[in-house]
Amino acid sequence: MASKSSRGAHYDDVYDLGSKDSYGYFIANAIKRLPEGNTSSARPFLTIGTHKALRDLILSTCKVVRIVKLHRATFPGIDIFPAIIELERCSDAAQRAANIYQFMTFGACTPDDQQPVA
């Protein structure tokens, strides 16, 4: 049986994200609770059109520290394109605009390419 996620009736009033996906609310809530200058990591969806408001929220409240795109076979049996994004809460717009971040992609790696960790 598939599980259903539910959200409070007030979520759309608090988080105007344009999407009903629960992970968007999770990320928005984590950003709002993150103290200034602290960092957090999350796996947002970077390209889905309905998540533009979430991306706008991220860019208007945080510096992007790093983005790591993983191979779609990272989680066997689940067909997703996982990404990890590390954010730093920052209220200074000039600092956000001057931000430089790390971008790493492991999309070309396959499970056969991975070496055991010693």
N, C-alpha and C. Protein backbone atom coordinates (compact mmCIF):
# COMPACT_ATOMS: atom_id res chain seq x y z
N MET A 1 0.84 -1.18 0.00
CA MET A 1 0.00 0.00 0.00
C MET A 1 0.89 1.24 0.00
N ALA A 2 0.63 2.16 -0.90
CA ALA A 2 1.42 3.39 -0.97
C ALA A 2 1.07 4.29 0.20
N SER A 3 2.10 4.93 0.74
CA SER A 3 1.84 5.85 1.84
C SER A 3 1.45 7.21 1.29
N LYS A 4 0.66 7.94 2.04
CA LYS A 4 0.23 9.27 1.63
C LYS A 4 0.86 10.27 2.59
N SER A 5 1.28 11.40 2.05
CA SER A 5 1.77 12.45 2.92
C SER A 5 0.65 13.45 3.12
N SER A 6 0.63 14.06 4.27
CA SER A 6 -0.39 15.07 4.53
C SER A 6 0.30 16.31 5.08
N ARG A 7 -0.29 17.44 4.86
CA ARG A 7 0.25 18.68 5.36
C ARG A 7 -0.87 19.45 6.05
N GLY A 8 -0.48 20.34 6.93
CA GLY A 8 -1.48 21.14 7.63
C GLY A 8 -2.21 22.06 6.67
N ALA A 9 -3.41 22.43 7.02
CA ALA A 9 -4.24 23.27 6.16
C ALA A 9 -3.62 24.64 5.93
N HIS A 10 -2.78 25.09 6.83
CA HIS A 10 -2.18 26.42 6.74
C HIS A 10 -0.88 26.47 5.94
N TYR A 11 -0.36 25.35 5.50
CA TYR A 11 0.94 25.32 4.82
C TYR A 11 1.00 26.24 3.62
N ASP A 12 -0.06 26.28 2.81
CA ASP A 12 -0.06 27.11 1.61
C ASP A 12 -0.03 28.59 1.97
N ASP A 13 -0.55 28.96 3.14
CA ASP A 13 -0.50 30.35 3.59
C ASP A 13 0.90 30.72 4.07
N VAL A 14 1.58 29.80 4.71
CA VAL A 14 2.92 30.04 5.27
C VAL A 14 3.98 29.91 4.19
N TYR A 15 3.86 28.91 3.32
CA TYR A 15 4.86 28.63 2.29
C TYR A 15 4.21 28.70 0.93
N ASP A 16 4.40 29.80 0.23
CA ASP A 16 3.84 29.97 -1.10
C ASP A 16 4.83 29.41 -2.11
N LEU A 17 4.81 28.09 -2.31
CA LEU A 17 5.81 27.41 -3.13
C LEU A 17 5.30 27.00 -4.50
N GLY A 18 4.01 27.02 -4.73
CA GLY A 18 3.48 26.66 -6.03
C GLY A 18 3.41 25.17 -6.29
N SER A 19 3.83 24.36 -5.35
CA SER A 19 3.81 22.91 -5.50
C SER A 19 3.28 22.30 -4.22
N LYS A 20 2.63 21.18 -4.35
CA LYS A 20 2.06 20.50 -3.19
C LYS A 20 2.96 19.39 -2.64
N ASP A 21 4.16 19.22 -3.22
CA ASP A 21 5.06 18.16 -2.77
C ASP A 21 5.59 18.45 -1.37
N SER A 22 5.54 17.45 -0.50
CA SER A 22 5.91 17.65 0.90
C SER A 22 7.37 18.00 1.09
N TYR A 23 8.27 17.54 0.21
CA TYR A 23 9.68 17.84 0.40
C TYR A 23 9.95 19.33 0.22
N GLY A 24 9.17 20.02 -0.58
CA GLY A 24 9.32 21.47 -0.72
C GLY A 24 9.03 22.17 0.60
N TYR A 25 7.96 21.75 1.27
CA TYR A 25 7.64 22.32 2.58
C TYR A 25 8.75 22.03 3.58
N PHE A 26 9.29 20.81 3.52
CA PHE A 26 10.38 20.42 4.41
C PHE A 26 11.59 21.35 4.23
N ILE A 27 11.97 21.59 2.97
CA ILE A 27 13.13 22.43 2.70
C ILE A 27 12.86 23.87 3.11
N ALA A 28 11.68 24.39 2.77
CA ALA A 28 11.34 25.77 3.14
C ALA A 28 11.34 25.94 4.66
N ASN A 29 10.80 24.97 5.37
CA ASN A 29 10.76 25.03 6.83
C ASN A 29 12.17 24.98 7.40
N ALA A 30 13.03 24.13 6.83
CA ALA A 30 14.41 24.03 7.31
C ALA A 30 15.14 25.35 7.11
N ILE A 31 14.94 26.02 5.98
CA ILE A 31 15.58 27.31 5.73
C ILE A 31 15.11 28.35 6.74
N LYS A 32 13.81 28.40 6.98
CA LYS A 32 13.27 29.39 7.92
C LYS A 32 13.81 29.18 9.33
N ARG A 33 14.11 27.96 9.71
CA ARG A 33 14.60 27.65 11.05
C ARG A 33 16.12 27.73 11.17
N LEU A 34 16.82 27.85 10.06
CA LEU A 34 18.28 27.85 10.05
C LEU A 34 18.80 29.21 10.52
N PRO A 35 19.63 29.22 11.58
CA PRO A 35 20.17 30.49 12.05
C PRO A 35 21.09 31.13 11.01
N GLU A 36 21.12 32.44 10.98
CA GLU A 36 21.98 33.20 10.07
C GLU A 36 23.42 32.69 10.15
N GLY A 37 24.03 32.45 9.00
CA GLY A 37 25.42 32.01 8.93
C GLY A 37 25.63 30.52 9.10
N ASN A 38 24.59 29.77 9.47
CA ASN A 38 24.71 28.31 9.61
C ASN A 38 24.40 27.64 8.28
N THR A 39 24.85 26.40 8.14
CA THR A 39 24.64 25.68 6.89
C THR A 39 23.72 24.49 7.10
N SER A 40 23.16 24.04 5.98
CA SER A 40 22.29 22.87 5.98
C SER A 40 22.44 22.19 4.63
N SER A 41 22.19 20.90 4.61
CA SER A 41 22.20 20.15 3.36
C SER A 41 20.82 19.58 3.11
N ALA A 42 20.42 19.57 1.84
CA ALA A 42 19.11 19.05 1.48
C ALA A 42 19.19 18.51 0.06
N ARG A 43 18.17 17.79 -0.35
CA ARG A 43 18.12 17.27 -1.71
C ARG A 43 16.91 17.87 -2.42
N PRO A 44 17.06 19.09 -2.91
CA PRO A 44 15.91 19.69 -3.59
C PRO A 44 15.83 19.25 -5.04
N PHE A 45 14.76 19.62 -5.67
CA PHE A 45 14.61 19.36 -7.10
C PHE A 45 14.89 20.66 -7.81
N LEU A 46 15.99 20.67 -8.54
CA LEU A 46 16.57 21.89 -9.08
C LEU A 46 15.94 22.37 -10.38
N THR A 47 15.19 21.53 -11.06
CA THR A 47 14.72 21.93 -12.39
C THR A 47 13.22 21.82 -12.61
N ILE A 48 12.49 21.22 -11.69
CA ILE A 48 11.05 21.04 -11.88
C ILE A 48 10.36 22.41 -11.85
N GLY A 49 9.58 22.70 -12.87
CA GLY A 49 8.94 24.00 -13.00
C GLY A 49 8.10 24.41 -11.80
N THR A 50 7.41 23.47 -11.19
CA THR A 50 6.55 23.81 -10.06
C THR A 50 7.34 24.17 -8.80
N HIS A 51 8.67 24.02 -8.85
CA HIS A 51 9.49 24.35 -7.68
C HIS A 51 10.24 25.66 -7.84
N LYS A 52 9.80 26.51 -8.78
CA LYS A 52 10.45 27.80 -8.98
C LYS A 52 10.37 28.65 -7.72
N ALA A 53 9.24 28.67 -7.05
CA ALA A 53 9.09 29.47 -5.83
C ALA A 53 10.05 29.00 -4.74
N LEU A 54 10.27 27.68 -4.67
CA LEU A 54 11.22 27.15 -3.69
C LEU A 54 12.63 27.59 -4.04
N ARG A 55 13.00 27.52 -5.33
CA ARG A 55 14.32 27.98 -5.75
C ARG A 55 14.48 29.48 -5.47
N ASP A 56 13.43 30.27 -5.72
CA ASP A 56 13.48 31.70 -5.43
C ASP A 56 13.69 31.94 -3.94
N LEU A 57 13.01 31.16 -3.10
CA LEU A 57 13.18 31.28 -1.65
C LEU A 57 14.62 30.98 -1.26
N ILE A 58 15.18 29.91 -1.82
CA ILE A 58 16.57 29.55 -1.52
C ILE A 58 17.50 30.69 -1.92
N LEU A 59 17.35 31.21 -3.13
CA LEU A 59 18.26 32.25 -3.63
C LEU A 59 18.08 33.59 -2.92
N SER A 60 16.91 33.83 -2.34
CA SER A 60 16.67 35.10 -1.65
C SER A 60 17.01 35.04 -0.16
N THR A 61 17.34 33.86 0.35
CA THR A 61 17.65 33.74 1.78
C THR A 61 18.96 33.03 2.07
N CYS A 62 19.58 32.43 1.06
CA CYS A 62 20.75 31.59 1.31
C CYS A 62 21.84 31.77 0.27
N LYS A 63 23.06 31.45 0.68
CA LYS A 63 24.15 31.26 -0.26
C LYS A 63 24.21 29.76 -0.55
N VAL A 64 24.44 29.40 -1.78
CA VAL A 64 24.63 28.00 -2.13
C VAL A 64 26.11 27.69 -1.92
N VAL A 65 26.40 26.74 -1.03
CA VAL A 65 27.78 26.37 -0.72
C VAL A 65 28.28 25.36 -1.74
N ARG A 66 27.48 24.31 -1.97
CA ARG A 66 27.88 23.31 -2.97
C ARG A 66 26.65 22.54 -3.42
N ILE A 67 26.75 22.08 -4.68
CA ILE A 67 25.73 21.20 -5.25
C ILE A 67 26.46 19.96 -5.73
N VAL A 68 25.95 18.80 -5.35
CA VAL A 68 26.52 17.52 -5.77
C VAL A 68 25.41 16.75 -6.49
N LYS A 69 25.61 16.52 -7.79
CA LYS A 69 24.66 15.72 -8.55
C LYS A 69 25.18 14.28 -8.58
N LEU A 70 24.32 13.36 -8.21
CA LEU A 70 24.69 11.94 -8.15
C LEU A 70 24.15 11.19 -9.36
N HIS A 71 24.70 10.02 -9.60
CA HIS A 71 24.25 9.17 -10.70
C HIS A 71 22.84 8.67 -10.42
N ARG A 72 22.05 8.51 -11.46
CA ARG A 72 20.66 8.08 -11.26
C ARG A 72 20.55 6.66 -10.71
N ALA A 73 21.64 5.87 -10.74
CA ALA A 73 21.63 4.51 -10.18
C ALA A 73 22.13 4.49 -8.73
N THR A 74 22.26 5.67 -8.11
CA THR A 74 22.74 5.74 -6.72
C THR A 74 21.87 4.91 -5.79
N PHE A 75 20.57 4.95 -5.99
CA PHE A 75 19.63 4.20 -5.17
C PHE A 75 19.00 3.14 -6.05
N PRO A 76 19.53 1.90 -6.03
CA PRO A 76 19.02 0.84 -6.90
C PRO A 76 17.51 0.64 -6.74
N GLY A 77 16.86 0.50 -7.87
CA GLY A 77 15.42 0.25 -7.87
C GLY A 77 14.58 1.52 -7.84
N ILE A 78 15.21 2.68 -7.70
CA ILE A 78 14.48 3.94 -7.66
C ILE A 78 15.03 4.80 -8.80
N ASP A 79 14.19 5.20 -9.72
CA ASP A 79 14.63 5.97 -10.87
C ASP A 79 14.48 7.47 -10.59
N ILE A 80 15.52 8.04 -9.97
CA ILE A 80 15.55 9.47 -9.69
C ILE A 80 16.93 10.00 -10.05
N PHE A 81 17.03 11.30 -10.15
CA PHE A 81 18.30 11.97 -10.37
C PHE A 81 18.62 12.73 -9.08
N PRO A 82 19.27 12.07 -8.11
CA PRO A 82 19.48 12.71 -6.81
C PRO A 82 20.52 13.82 -6.86
N ALA A 83 20.31 14.82 -6.04
CA ALA A 83 21.25 15.92 -5.88
C ALA A 83 21.27 16.30 -4.41
N ILE A 84 22.43 16.74 -3.97
CA ILE A 84 22.59 17.23 -2.61
C ILE A 84 22.97 18.70 -2.75
N ILE A 85 22.28 19.55 -2.02
CA ILE A 85 22.61 20.97 -2.06
C ILE A 85 22.88 21.42 -0.63
N GLU A 86 24.00 22.10 -0.44
CA GLU A 86 24.36 22.63 0.87
C GLU A 86 24.14 24.14 0.84
N LEU A 87 23.36 24.63 1.79
CA LEU A 87 22.98 26.04 1.84
C LEU A 87 23.50 26.70 3.10
N GLU A 88 23.78 28.00 3.01
CA GLU A 88 24.13 28.81 4.17
C GLU A 88 23.15 29.95 4.26
N ARG A 89 22.45 30.06 5.38
CA ARG A 89 21.49 31.14 5.56
C ARG A 89 22.24 32.46 5.54
N CYS A 90 21.80 33.42 4.74
CA CYS A 90 22.50 34.70 4.60
C CYS A 90 21.48 35.78 4.23
N SER A 91 21.31 36.79 5.08
CA SER A 91 20.34 37.86 4.80
C SER A 91 20.95 39.00 3.98
N ASP A 92 22.25 39.01 3.77
CA ASP A 92 22.93 40.07 3.03
C ASP A 92 22.88 39.78 1.53
N ALA A 93 22.09 40.57 0.79
CA ALA A 93 21.90 40.34 -0.64
C ALA A 93 23.21 40.47 -1.42
N ALA A 94 24.08 41.39 -1.02
CA ALA A 94 25.35 41.57 -1.72
C ALA A 94 26.24 40.33 -1.56
N GLN A 95 26.26 39.76 -0.36
CA GLN A 95 27.03 38.52 -0.13
C GLN A 95 26.46 37.38 -0.96
N ARG A 96 25.13 37.29 -1.03
CA ARG A 96 24.51 36.22 -1.83
C ARG A 96 24.86 36.40 -3.30
N ALA A 97 24.82 37.65 -3.79
CA ALA A 97 25.11 37.91 -5.20
C ALA A 97 26.56 37.62 -5.54
N ALA A 98 27.48 37.81 -4.59
CA ALA A 98 28.90 37.59 -4.83
C ALA A 98 29.32 36.15 -4.54
N ASN A 99 28.37 35.33 -4.15
CA ASN A 99 28.68 33.96 -3.75
C ASN A 99 29.23 33.13 -4.90
N ILE A 100 30.24 32.34 -4.59
CA ILE A 100 30.79 31.35 -5.51
C ILE A 100 30.59 30.00 -4.84
N TYR A 101 30.09 29.02 -5.58
CA TYR A 101 29.82 27.72 -4.98
C TYR A 101 30.51 26.62 -5.76
N GLN A 102 30.65 25.46 -5.09
CA GLN A 102 31.22 24.27 -5.71
C GLN A 102 30.11 23.49 -6.41
N PHE A 103 30.39 23.01 -7.60
CA PHE A 103 29.46 22.14 -8.30
C PHE A 103 30.20 20.87 -8.68
N MET A 104 29.68 19.74 -8.24
CA MET A 104 30.29 18.45 -8.55
C MET A 104 29.22 17.56 -9.15
N THR A 105 29.59 16.82 -10.18
CA THR A 105 28.64 15.89 -10.77
C THR A 105 29.27 14.50 -10.85
N PHE A 106 28.51 13.54 -10.44
CA PHE A 106 28.93 12.15 -10.53
C PHE A 106 28.01 11.41 -11.50
N GLY A 107 27.38 12.16 -12.39
CA GLY A 107 26.44 11.59 -13.35
C GLY A 107 27.08 10.64 -14.34
N ALA A 108 28.37 10.82 -14.63
CA ALA A 108 29.04 9.94 -15.58
C ALA A 108 29.52 8.65 -14.93
N CYS A 109 29.55 8.62 -13.62
CA CYS A 109 29.99 7.42 -12.91
C CYS A 109 28.86 6.40 -12.89
N THR A 110 29.20 5.17 -13.02
CA THR A 110 28.22 4.10 -12.87
C THR A 110 28.63 3.27 -11.66
N PRO A 111 27.73 2.46 -11.12
CA PRO A 111 28.11 1.64 -9.97
C PRO A 111 29.35 0.79 -10.24
N ASP A 112 29.56 0.35 -11.48
CA ASP A 112 30.75 -0.44 -11.82
C ASP A 112 32.03 0.37 -11.73
N ASP A 113 31.93 1.72 -11.87
CA ASP A 113 33.08 2.60 -11.81
C ASP A 113 33.54 2.88 -10.39
N GLN A 114 32.69 2.60 -9.41
CA GLN A 114 33.01 2.93 -8.04
C GLN A 114 34.01 1.95 -7.46
N GLN A 115 34.95 2.50 -6.70
CA GLN A 115 35.98 1.69 -6.06
C GLN A 115 35.64 1.53 -4.59
N PRO A 116 35.98 0.37 -4.00
CA PRO A 116 35.72 0.18 -2.58
C PRO A 116 36.53 1.17 -1.75
N VAL A 117 35.95 1.61 -0.65
CA VAL A 117 36.63 2.53 0.27
C VAL A 117 37.50 1.70 1.20
N ALA A 118 38.77 2.07 1.32
CA ALA A 118 39.71 1.33 2.18
C ALA A 118 39.51 1.67 3.62
